[in-house]
Amino acid sequence: MLDTALGFSLMVAIVITSIVYVVTRDKNRTEQEQKDKLNDTIILFVITFIVVLFGKLCLGESSISTTSTTLVKATDVKGGQCPF
């Protein structure tokens, strides 16, 4: 799950959002302040997820292209024969 950009972004966003939530929690808040904190936490999660996803896609592009491409030598291919 961590080797894909989507899974990695999801895990990092969850960890960062959880840490910020635990550090900034306060039990003596009004209902409006709790709703505002929930909205801020959701916005933090979405922004973190998008930034990490684009960063992983941009920086991890070279490793994806090298593993998905296989070179075949011209001497290994037999010409003129049907594959079946």
PDB file of N, CA and C in Angstrom:
ATOM      1  N   MET A   1       0.817  -1.189   0.000  1.00  0.00           N
ATOM      2  CA  MET A   1       0.000   0.000   0.000  1.00  0.00           C
ATOM      3  C   MET A   1       0.863   1.256   0.000  1.00  0.00           C
ATOM      4  N   LEU A   2       2.014   1.195   0.627  1.00  0.00           N
ATOM      5  CA  LEU A   2       2.875   2.364   0.670  1.00  0.00           C
ATOM      6  C   LEU A   2       3.682   2.553  -0.604  1.00  0.00           C
ATOM      7  N   ASP A   3       3.706   1.558  -1.487  1.00  0.00           N
ATOM      8  CA  ASP A   3       4.475   1.708  -2.720  1.00  0.00           C
ATOM      9  C   ASP A   3       3.689   2.448  -3.795  1.00  0.00           C
ATOM     10  N   THR A   4       2.393   2.612  -3.629  1.00  0.00           N
ATOM     11  CA  THR A   4       1.606   3.389  -4.587  1.00  0.00           C
ATOM     12  C   THR A   4       1.468   4.821  -4.070  1.00  0.00           C
ATOM     13  N   ALA A   5       1.306   5.745  -4.993  1.00  0.00           N
ATOM     14  CA  ALA A   5       1.203   7.152  -4.618  1.00  0.00           C
ATOM     15  C   ALA A   5      -0.071   7.415  -3.821  1.00  0.00           C
ATOM     16  N   LEU A   6      -1.153   6.759  -4.196  1.00  0.00           N
ATOM     17  CA  LEU A   6      -2.429   6.980  -3.517  1.00  0.00           C
ATOM     18  C   LEU A   6      -2.397   6.458  -2.079  1.00  0.00           C
ATOM     19  N   GLY A   7      -1.892   5.257  -1.892  1.00  0.00           N
ATOM     20  CA  GLY A   7      -1.806   4.678  -0.549  1.00  0.00           C
ATOM     21  C   GLY A   7      -0.856   5.438   0.350  1.00  0.00           C
ATOM     22  N   PHE A   8       0.282   5.834  -0.199  1.00  0.00           N
ATOM     23  CA  PHE A   8       1.263   6.591   0.570  1.00  0.00           C
ATOM     24  C   PHE A   8       0.680   7.939   1.001  1.00  0.00           C
ATOM     25  N   SER A   9       0.008   8.615   0.084  1.00  0.00           N
ATOM     26  CA  SER A   9      -0.587   9.920   0.389  1.00  0.00           C
ATOM     27  C   SER A   9      -1.663   9.793   1.447  1.00  0.00           C
ATOM     28  N   LEU A  10      -2.463   8.752   1.346  1.00  0.00           N
ATOM     29  CA  LEU A  10      -3.518   8.534   2.326  1.00  0.00           C
ATOM     30  C   LEU A  10      -2.946   8.286   3.719  1.00  0.00           C
ATOM     31  N   MET A  11      -1.923   7.456   3.805  1.00  0.00           N
ATOM     32  CA  MET A  11      -1.318   7.152   5.103  1.00  0.00           C
ATOM     33  C   MET A  11      -0.658   8.382   5.716  1.00  0.00           C
ATOM     34  N   VAL A  12       0.084   9.142   4.924  1.00  0.00           N
ATOM     35  CA  VAL A  12       0.760  10.338   5.442  1.00  0.00           C
ATOM     36  C   VAL A  12      -0.265  11.372   5.889  1.00  0.00           C
ATOM     37  N   ALA A  13      -1.327  11.571   5.109  1.00  0.00           N
ATOM     38  CA  ALA A  13      -2.350  12.549   5.473  1.00  0.00           C
ATOM     39  C   ALA A  13      -3.059  12.145   6.759  1.00  0.00           C
ATOM     40  N   ILE A  14      -3.341  10.861   6.931  1.00  0.00           N
ATOM     41  CA  ILE A  14      -3.989  10.394   8.156  1.00  0.00           C
ATOM     42  C   ILE A  14      -3.081  10.602   9.364  1.00  0.00           C
ATOM     43  N   VAL A  15      -1.806  10.288   9.217  1.00  0.00           N
ATOM     44  CA  VAL A  15      -0.869  10.435  10.337  1.00  0.00           C
ATOM     45  C   VAL A  15      -0.725  11.907  10.730  1.00  0.00           C
ATOM     46  N   ILE A  16      -0.520  12.786   9.755  1.00  0.00           N
ATOM     47  CA  ILE A  16      -0.337  14.205  10.052  1.00  0.00           C
ATOM     48  C   ILE A  16      -1.601  14.805  10.664  1.00  0.00           C
ATOM     49  N   THR A  17      -2.755  14.474  10.106  1.00  0.00           N
ATOM     50  CA  THR A  17      -4.011  15.002  10.629  1.00  0.00           C
ATOM     51  C   THR A  17      -4.271  14.491  12.047  1.00  0.00           C
ATOM     52  N   SER A  18      -3.966  13.235  12.307  1.00  0.00           N
ATOM     53  CA  SER A  18      -4.164  12.677  13.646  1.00  0.00           C
ATOM     54  C   SER A  18      -3.258  13.354  14.667  1.00  0.00           C
ATOM     55  N   ILE A  19      -2.015  13.584  14.300  1.00  0.00           N
ATOM     56  CA  ILE A  19      -1.078  14.247  15.213  1.00  0.00           C
ATOM     57  C   ILE A  19      -1.555  15.663  15.529  1.00  0.00           C
ATOM     58  N   VAL A  20      -1.964  16.403  14.517  1.00  0.00           N
ATOM     59  CA  VAL A  20      -2.438  17.775  14.739  1.00  0.00           C
ATOM     60  C   VAL A  20      -3.703  17.767  15.588  1.00  0.00           C
ATOM     61  N   TYR A  21      -4.590  16.819  15.351  1.00  0.00           N
ATOM     62  CA  TYR A  21      -5.830  16.735  16.134  1.00  0.00           C
ATOM     63  C   TYR A  21      -5.542  16.449  17.605  1.00  0.00           C
ATOM     64  N   VAL A  22      -4.648  15.514  17.875  1.00  0.00           N
ATOM     65  CA  VAL A  22      -4.340  15.145  19.259  1.00  0.00           C
ATOM     66  C   VAL A  22      -3.627  16.301  19.973  1.00  0.00           C
ATOM     67  N   VAL A  23      -2.736  16.971  19.284  1.00  0.00           N
ATOM     68  CA  VAL A  23      -1.971  18.050  19.913  1.00  0.00           C
ATOM     69  C   VAL A  23      -2.868  19.250  20.219  1.00  0.00           C
ATOM     70  N   THR A  24      -3.818  19.541  19.364  1.00  0.00           N
ATOM     71  CA  THR A  24      -4.620  20.764  19.523  1.00  0.00           C
ATOM     72  C   THR A  24      -5.977  20.542  20.172  1.00  0.00           C
ATOM     73  N   ARG A  25      -6.242  19.362  20.692  1.00  0.00           N
ATOM     74  CA  ARG A  25      -7.565  19.115  21.277  1.00  0.00           C
ATOM     75  C   ARG A  25      -7.682  19.808  22.638  1.00  0.00           C
ATOM     76  N   ASP A  26      -8.887  20.242  22.898  1.00  0.00           N
ATOM     77  CA  ASP A  26      -9.200  20.900  24.171  1.00  0.00           C
ATOM     78  C   ASP A  26     -10.633  20.540  24.541  1.00  0.00           C
ATOM     79  N   LYS A  27     -10.857  20.087  25.744  1.00  0.00           N
ATOM     80  CA  LYS A  27     -12.181  19.587  26.128  1.00  0.00           C
ATOM     81  C   LYS A  27     -13.160  20.710  26.476  1.00  0.00           C
ATOM     82  N   ASN A  28     -12.678  21.854  26.869  1.00  0.00           N
ATOM     83  CA  ASN A  28     -13.554  22.945  27.279  1.00  0.00           C
ATOM     84  C   ASN A  28     -13.777  23.913  26.115  1.00  0.00           C
ATOM     85  N   ARG A  29     -14.429  23.438  25.080  1.00  0.00           N
ATOM     86  CA  ARG A  29     -14.729  24.282  23.922  1.00  0.00           C
ATOM     87  C   ARG A  29     -16.227  24.331  23.713  1.00  0.00           C
ATOM     88  N   THR A  30     -16.657  25.406  23.105  1.00  0.00           N
ATOM     89  CA  THR A  30     -18.072  25.511  22.773  1.00  0.00           C
ATOM     90  C   THR A  30     -18.359  24.667  21.542  1.00  0.00           C
ATOM     91  N   GLU A  31     -19.632  24.518  21.249  1.00  0.00           N
ATOM     92  CA  GLU A  31     -20.033  23.692  20.109  1.00  0.00           C
ATOM     93  C   GLU A  31     -19.562  24.302  18.790  1.00  0.00           C
ATOM     94  N   GLN A  32     -19.605  25.616  18.693  1.00  0.00           N
ATOM     95  CA  GLN A  32     -19.160  26.292  17.467  1.00  0.00           C
ATOM     96  C   GLN A  32     -17.660  26.130  17.262  1.00  0.00           C
ATOM     97  N   GLU A  33     -16.897  26.216  18.327  1.00  0.00           N
ATOM     98  CA  GLU A  33     -15.450  26.028  18.221  1.00  0.00           C
ATOM     99  C   GLU A  33     -15.112  24.594  17.815  1.00  0.00           C
ATOM    100  N   GLN A  34     -15.884  23.627  18.286  1.00  0.00           N
ATOM    101  CA  GLN A  34     -15.653  22.236  17.903  1.00  0.00           C
ATOM    102  C   GLN A  34     -15.962  22.018  16.423  1.00  0.00           C
ATOM    103  N   LYS A  35     -17.019  22.660  15.917  1.00  0.00           N
ATOM    104  CA  LYS A  35     -17.336  22.550  14.488  1.00  0.00           C
ATOM    105  C   LYS A  35     -16.263  23.207  13.642  1.00  0.00           C
ATOM    106  N   ASP A  36     -15.770  24.359  14.102  1.00  0.00           N
ATOM    107  CA  ASP A  36     -14.700  25.038  13.369  1.00  0.00           C
ATOM    108  C   ASP A  36     -13.428  24.187  13.333  1.00  0.00           C
ATOM    109  N   LYS A  37     -13.121  23.538  14.456  1.00  0.00           N
ATOM    110  CA  LYS A  37     -11.936  22.684  14.499  1.00  0.00           C
ATOM    111  C   LYS A  37     -12.097  21.475  13.577  1.00  0.00           C
ATOM    112  N   LEU A  38     -13.303  20.912  13.516  1.00  0.00           N
ATOM    113  CA  LEU A  38     -13.552  19.784  12.628  1.00  0.00           C
ATOM    114  C   LEU A  38     -13.377  20.205  11.164  1.00  0.00           C
ATOM    115  N   ASN A  39     -13.906  21.371  10.814  1.00  0.00           N
ATOM    116  CA  ASN A  39     -13.732  21.878   9.446  1.00  0.00           C
ATOM    117  C   ASN A  39     -12.269  22.136   9.133  1.00  0.00           C
ATOM    118  N   ASP A  40     -11.532  22.707  10.085  1.00  0.00           N
ATOM    119  CA  ASP A  40     -10.104  22.945   9.875  1.00  0.00           C
ATOM    120  C   ASP A  40      -9.337  21.635   9.712  1.00  0.00           C
ATOM    121  N   THR A  41      -9.732  20.625  10.479  1.00  0.00           N
ATOM    122  CA  THR A  41      -9.075  19.323  10.389  1.00  0.00           C
ATOM    123  C   THR A  41      -9.342  18.667   9.034  1.00  0.00           C
ATOM    124  N   ILE A  42     -10.551  18.780   8.542  1.00  0.00           N
ATOM    125  CA  ILE A  42     -10.880  18.215   7.222  1.00  0.00           C
ATOM    126  C   ILE A  42     -10.112  18.941   6.121  1.00  0.00           C
ATOM    127  N   ILE A  43     -10.029  20.257   6.216  1.00  0.00           N
ATOM    128  CA  ILE A  43      -9.271  21.035   5.228  1.00  0.00           C
ATOM    129  C   ILE A  43      -7.797  20.655   5.280  1.00  0.00           C
ATOM    130  N   LEU A  44      -7.248  20.491   6.484  1.00  0.00           N
ATOM    131  CA  LEU A  44      -5.849  20.075   6.631  1.00  0.00           C
ATOM    132  C   LEU A  44      -5.621  18.712   5.990  1.00  0.00           C
ATOM    133  N   PHE A  45      -6.543  17.772   6.199  1.00  0.00           N
ATOM    134  CA  PHE A  45      -6.411  16.439   5.618  1.00  0.00           C
ATOM    135  C   PHE A  45      -6.410  16.503   4.087  1.00  0.00           C
ATOM    136  N   VAL A  46      -7.342  17.253   3.515  1.00  0.00           N
ATOM    137  CA  VAL A  46      -7.446  17.337   2.050  1.00  0.00           C
ATOM    138  C   VAL A  46      -6.209  17.992   1.454  1.00  0.00           C
ATOM    139  N   ILE A  47      -5.758  19.088   2.039  1.00  0.00           N
ATOM    140  CA  ILE A  47      -4.574  19.781   1.511  1.00  0.00           C
ATOM    141  C   ILE A  47      -3.337  18.903   1.639  1.00  0.00           C
ATOM    142  N   THR A  48      -3.172  18.243   2.777  1.00  0.00           N
ATOM    143  CA  THR A  48      -2.019  17.356   2.966  1.00  0.00           C
ATOM    144  C   THR A  48      -2.050  16.203   1.973  1.00  0.00           C
ATOM    145  N   PHE A  49      -3.212  15.608   1.778  1.00  0.00           N
ATOM    146  CA  PHE A  49      -3.347  14.500   0.843  1.00  0.00           C
ATOM    147  C   PHE A  49      -2.978  14.924  -0.578  1.00  0.00           C
ATOM    148  N   ILE A  50      -3.485  16.070  -1.021  1.00  0.00           N
ATOM    149  CA  ILE A  50      -3.223  16.536  -2.387  1.00  0.00           C
ATOM    150  C   ILE A  50      -1.748  16.873  -2.575  1.00  0.00           C
ATOM    151  N   VAL A  51      -1.155  17.565  -1.620  1.00  0.00           N
ATOM    152  CA  VAL A  51       0.260  17.949  -1.742  1.00  0.00           C
ATOM    153  C   VAL A  51       1.161  16.720  -1.768  1.00  0.00           C
ATOM    154  N   VAL A  52       0.920  15.770  -0.887  1.00  0.00           N
ATOM    155  CA  VAL A  52       1.749  14.559  -0.847  1.00  0.00           C
ATOM    156  C   VAL A  52       1.532  13.718  -2.103  1.00  0.00           C
ATOM    157  N   LEU A  53       0.296  13.646  -2.593  1.00  0.00           N
ATOM    158  CA  LEU A  53       0.005  12.873  -3.801  1.00  0.00           C
ATOM    159  C   LEU A  53       0.737  13.453  -5.004  1.00  0.00           C
ATOM    160  N   PHE A  54       0.630  14.759  -5.211  1.00  0.00           N
ATOM    161  CA  PHE A  54       1.327  15.370  -6.346  1.00  0.00           C
ATOM    162  C   PHE A  54       2.842  15.276  -6.189  1.00  0.00           C
ATOM    163  N   GLY A  55       3.328  15.432  -4.969  1.00  0.00           N
ATOM    164  CA  GLY A  55       4.763  15.290  -4.743  1.00  0.00           C
ATOM    165  C   GLY A  55       5.251  13.886  -5.042  1.00  0.00           C
ATOM    166  N   LYS A  56       4.497  12.894  -4.609  1.00  0.00           N
ATOM    167  CA  LYS A  56       4.882  11.497  -4.863  1.00  0.00           C
ATOM    168  C   LYS A  56       4.811  11.180  -6.350  1.00  0.00           C
ATOM    169  N   LEU A  57       3.786  11.697  -7.038  1.00  0.00           N
ATOM    170  CA  LEU A  57       3.668  11.436  -8.476  1.00  0.00           C
ATOM    171  C   LEU A  57       4.782  12.111  -9.259  1.00  0.00           C
ATOM    172  N   CYS A  58       5.140  13.324  -8.885  1.00  0.00           N
ATOM    173  CA  CYS A  58       6.187  14.055  -9.612  1.00  0.00           C
ATOM    174  C   CYS A  58       7.575  13.507  -9.312  1.00  0.00           C
ATOM    175  N   LEU A  59       7.866  13.237  -8.056  1.00  0.00           N
ATOM    176  CA  LEU A  59       9.198  12.777  -7.679  1.00  0.00           C
ATOM    177  C   LEU A  59       9.381  11.278  -7.896  1.00  0.00           C
ATOM    178  N   GLY A  60       8.326  10.517  -7.857  1.00  0.00           N
ATOM    179  CA  GLY A  60       8.420   9.075  -8.018  1.00  0.00           C
ATOM    180  C   GLY A  60       8.234   8.614  -9.444  1.00  0.00           C
ATOM    181  N   GLU A  61       8.184   9.518 -10.401  1.00  0.00           N
ATOM    182  CA  GLU A  61       7.920   9.170 -11.801  1.00  0.00           C
ATOM    183  C   GLU A  61       9.042   8.331 -12.403  1.00  0.00           C
ATOM    184  N   SER A  62      10.291   8.601 -12.055  1.00  0.00           N
ATOM    185  CA  SER A  62      11.395   7.869 -12.658  1.00  0.00           C
ATOM    186  C   SER A  62      11.408   6.402 -12.231  1.00  0.00           C
ATOM    187  N   SER A  63      11.018   6.099 -10.987  1.00  0.00           N
ATOM    188  CA  SER A  63      11.012   4.711 -10.541  1.00  0.00           C
ATOM    189  C   SER A  63       9.872   3.926 -11.180  1.00  0.00           C
ATOM    190  N   ILE A  64       8.759   4.576 -11.474  1.00  0.00           N
ATOM    191  CA  ILE A  64       7.630   3.895 -12.099  1.00  0.00           C
ATOM    192  C   ILE A  64       7.952   3.546 -13.543  1.00  0.00           C
ATOM    193  N   SER A  65       8.559   4.459 -14.268  1.00  0.00           N
ATOM    194  CA  SER A  65       8.821   4.216 -15.678  1.00  0.00           C
ATOM    195  C   SER A  65       9.906   3.166 -15.892  1.00  0.00           C
ATOM    196  N   THR A  66      10.843   3.033 -14.980  1.00  0.00           N
ATOM    197  CA  THR A  66      11.896   2.040 -15.161  1.00  0.00           C
ATOM    198  C   THR A  66      11.394   0.632 -14.863  1.00  0.00           C
ATOM    199  N   THR A  67      10.454   0.498 -13.959  1.00  0.00           N
ATOM    200  CA  THR A  67       9.976  -0.840 -13.625  1.00  0.00           C
ATOM    201  C   THR A  67       8.903  -1.326 -14.590  1.00  0.00           C
ATOM    202  N   SER A  68       8.207  -0.413 -15.250  1.00  0.00           N
ATOM    203  CA  SER A  68       7.126  -0.842 -16.126  1.00  0.00           C
ATOM    204  C   SER A  68       7.578  -1.048 -17.572  1.00  0.00           C
ATOM    205  N   THR A  69       8.780  -0.660 -17.901  1.00  0.00           N
ATOM    206  CA  THR A  69       9.269  -0.797 -19.262  1.00  0.00           C
ATOM    207  C   THR A  69      10.286  -1.926 -19.325  1.00  0.00           C
ATOM    208  N   THR A  70      10.092  -2.822 -20.297  1.00  0.00           N
ATOM    209  CA  THR A  70      11.017  -3.927 -20.490  1.00  0.00           C
ATOM    210  C   THR A  70      11.560  -3.850 -21.905  1.00  0.00           C
ATOM    211  N   LEU A  71      12.869  -3.872 -22.012  1.00  0.00           N
ATOM    212  CA  LEU A  71      13.500  -3.818 -23.320  1.00  0.00           C
ATOM    213  C   LEU A  71      13.693  -5.232 -23.868  1.00  0.00           C
ATOM    214  N   VAL A  72      13.432  -5.404 -25.142  1.00  0.00           N
ATOM    215  CA  VAL A  72      13.592  -6.696 -25.792  1.00  0.00           C
ATOM    216  C   VAL A  72      14.620  -6.527 -26.898  1.00  0.00           C
ATOM    217  N   LYS A  73      15.602  -7.410 -26.905  1.00  0.00           N
ATOM    218  CA  LYS A  73      16.622  -7.346 -27.945  1.00  0.00           C
ATOM    219  C   LYS A  73      16.032  -7.807 -29.268  1.00  0.00           C
ATOM    220  N   ALA A  74      16.541  -7.252 -30.336  1.00  0.00           N
ATOM    221  CA  ALA A  74      16.037  -7.600 -31.663  1.00  0.00           C
ATOM    222  C   ALA A  74      16.388  -9.043 -32.027  1.00  0.00           C
ATOM    223  N   THR A  75      17.420  -9.592 -31.445  1.00  0.00           N
ATOM    224  CA  THR A  75      17.797 -10.978 -31.742  1.00  0.00           C
ATOM    225  C   THR A  75      16.883 -11.971 -31.047  1.00  0.00           C
ATOM    226  N   ASP A  76      16.188 -11.549 -29.992  1.00  0.00           N
ATOM    227  CA  ASP A  76      15.286 -12.448 -29.270  1.00  0.00           C
ATOM    228  C   ASP A  76      13.948 -12.627 -29.997  1.00  0.00           C
ATOM    229  N   VAL A  77      13.620 -11.730 -30.891  1.00  0.00           N
ATOM    230  CA  VAL A  77      12.331 -11.772 -31.581  1.00  0.00           C
ATOM    231  C   VAL A  77      12.516 -12.535 -32.887  1.00  0.00           C
ATOM    232  N   LYS A  78      11.732 -13.576 -33.068  1.00  0.00           N
ATOM    233  CA  LYS A  78      11.785 -14.344 -34.296  1.00  0.00           C
ATOM    234  C   LYS A  78      10.806 -13.749 -35.298  1.00  0.00           C
ATOM    235  N   GLY A  79      11.278 -13.426 -36.459  1.00  0.00           N
ATOM    236  CA  GLY A  79      10.422 -12.788 -37.433  1.00  0.00           C
ATOM    237  C   GLY A  79       9.757 -13.806 -38.347  1.00  0.00           C
ATOM    238  N   GLY A  80       8.550 -13.507 -38.818  1.00  0.00           N
ATOM    239  CA  GLY A  80       7.860 -14.333 -39.779  1.00  0.00           C
ATOM    240  C   GLY A  80       7.086 -15.490 -39.214  1.00  0.00           C
ATOM    241  N   GLN A  81       7.040 -15.671 -37.921  1.00  0.00           N
ATOM    242  CA  GLN A  81       6.294 -16.772 -37.340  1.00  0.00           C
ATOM    243  C   GLN A  81       5.089 -16.238 -36.570  1.00  0.00           C
ATOM    244  N   CYS A  82       3.996 -16.918 -36.673  1.00  0.00           N
ATOM    245  CA  CYS A  82       2.809 -16.564 -35.916  1.00  0.00           C
ATOM    246  C   CYS A  82       2.992 -16.954 -34.449  1.00  0.00           C
ATOM    247  N   PRO A  83       2.449 -16.195 -33.546  1.00  0.00           N
ATOM    248  CA  PRO A  83       2.633 -16.508 -32.123  1.00  0.00           C
ATOM    249  C   PRO A  83       1.764 -17.675 -31.654  1.00  0.00           C
ATOM    250  N   PHE A  84       0.877 -18.204 -32.494  1.00  0.00           N
ATOM    251  CA  PHE A  84       0.022 -19.312 -32.057  1.00  0.00           C
ATOM    252  C   PHE A  84       0.182 -20.534 -32.912  1.00  0.00           C
TER     253      PHE A  84
END
